[in-house]
Amino acid sequence: MAVGKNLRRSFSTEKRSNDVPKGHLAVYVGENEKKRFVIPLSYLNHPLFQELLCRVEEEFGFHHPMGGLTIPCSQDLFVDITSRLR
């Protein structure tokens, strides 16, 4: 599956703040194996993304074991939702 221009994926789970461009946020997505995505901050205000954030709050509260925002959904679902946000 091709990843869109506004959504980048990194296969490393190590913290790398220097590769997140200004105006973007790194998130970890997955139910079992987590993948790192870099998304525009503007996604945070979209109602579809807000639903994901509510799910994150229910699952993790404010404790995110990956050291960054972790979204507990399938990577395919995440890519599908974020492709609608553009």
Protein backbone atom coordinates (compact mmCIF):
# COMPACT_ATOMS: atom_id res chain seq x y z
CA MET A 1 0.00 0.00 0.00
CA ALA A 2 1.40 3.39 -0.96
CA VAL A 3 1.77 5.91 1.83
CA GLY A 4 0.62 9.42 0.90
CA LYS A 5 2.75 12.51 0.59
CA ASN A 6 1.47 13.95 3.90
CA LEU A 7 2.00 10.72 5.80
CA ARG A 8 5.40 9.14 6.26
CA ARG A 9 6.18 5.84 7.91
CA SER A 10 9.32 4.87 9.76
CA PHE A 11 10.08 1.24 10.60
CA SER A 12 12.17 2.14 13.63
CA THR A 13 10.67 2.60 17.08
CA GLU A 14 13.62 4.54 18.45
CA LYS A 15 13.04 8.16 19.43
CA ARG A 16 14.19 10.50 16.69
CA SER A 17 12.97 14.04 17.21
CA ASN A 18 15.28 15.46 14.55
CA ASP A 19 13.41 13.76 11.68
CA VAL A 20 10.01 15.29 12.52
CA PRO A 21 9.53 18.44 10.42
CA LYS A 22 8.09 21.58 11.94
CA GLY A 23 4.30 21.38 12.03
CA HIS A 24 4.28 17.57 12.26
CA LEU A 25 3.97 14.93 14.98
CA ALA A 26 5.32 11.38 15.28
CA VAL A 27 2.78 8.74 16.36
CA TYR A 28 3.04 4.98 16.87
CA VAL A 29 0.27 2.92 15.30
CA GLY A 30 -0.65 -0.73 15.61
CA GLU A 31 -2.38 -3.33 17.69
CA ASN A 32 0.61 -5.63 18.23
CA GLU A 33 3.57 -4.46 16.18
CA LYS A 34 3.85 -0.66 16.25
CA LYS A 35 4.92 1.44 13.27
CA ARG A 36 5.97 5.07 13.52
CA PHE A 37 4.16 7.62 11.33
CA VAL A 38 4.83 11.34 10.96
CA ILE A 39 1.63 13.32 10.45
CA PRO A 40 0.74 17.01 10.05
CA LEU A 41 -0.43 18.67 13.28
CA SER A 42 -3.55 19.84 11.42
CA TYR A 43 -4.85 16.24 11.60
CA LEU A 44 -5.33 16.64 15.37
CA ASN A 45 -8.33 18.93 14.87
CA HIS A 46 -10.20 16.73 12.40
CA PRO A 47 -13.26 14.86 13.80
CA LEU A 48 -12.10 11.47 12.43
CA PHE A 49 -8.74 11.88 14.12
CA GLN A 50 -10.46 13.09 17.30
CA GLU A 51 -12.26 9.73 17.41
CA LEU A 52 -8.91 7.94 17.32
CA LEU A 53 -7.63 10.18 20.12
CA CYS A 54 -10.66 9.27 22.26
CA ARG A 55 -9.82 5.61 21.71
CA VAL A 56 -6.21 6.30 22.71
CA GLU A 57 -7.35 7.98 25.92
CA GLU A 58 -9.58 5.00 26.78
CA GLU A 59 -6.81 2.48 26.15
CA PHE A 60 -3.71 4.26 27.49
CA GLY A 61 -4.82 7.35 29.40
CA PHE A 62 -1.73 9.49 29.48
CA HIS A 63 0.75 6.61 29.67
CA HIS A 64 2.19 5.79 26.25
CA PRO A 65 4.66 2.90 26.44
CA MET A 66 6.40 3.80 23.17
CA GLY A 67 7.45 7.21 24.53
CA GLY A 68 5.15 9.00 22.08
CA LEU A 69 1.49 9.05 21.18
CA THR A 70 0.40 5.44 20.57
CA ILE A 71 -2.75 4.77 18.54
CA PRO A 72 -4.20 1.27 19.09
CA CYS A 73 -5.70 0.52 15.68
CA SER A 74 -4.58 -1.40 12.63
CA GLN A 75 -2.05 0.37 10.46
CA ASP A 76 -4.33 -0.11 7.44
CA LEU A 77 -7.20 1.62 9.24
CA PHE A 78 -4.90 4.48 10.28
CA VAL A 79 -3.69 4.98 6.70
CA ASP A 80 -7.30 4.83 5.45
CA ILE A 81 -8.47 7.45 7.97
CA THR A 82 -5.55 9.80 7.44
CA SER A 83 -5.95 9.56 3.65
CA ARG A 84 -9.44 11.08 4.13
CA LEU A 85 -8.01 14.01 6.10
CA ARG A 86 -6.11 15.54 3.21
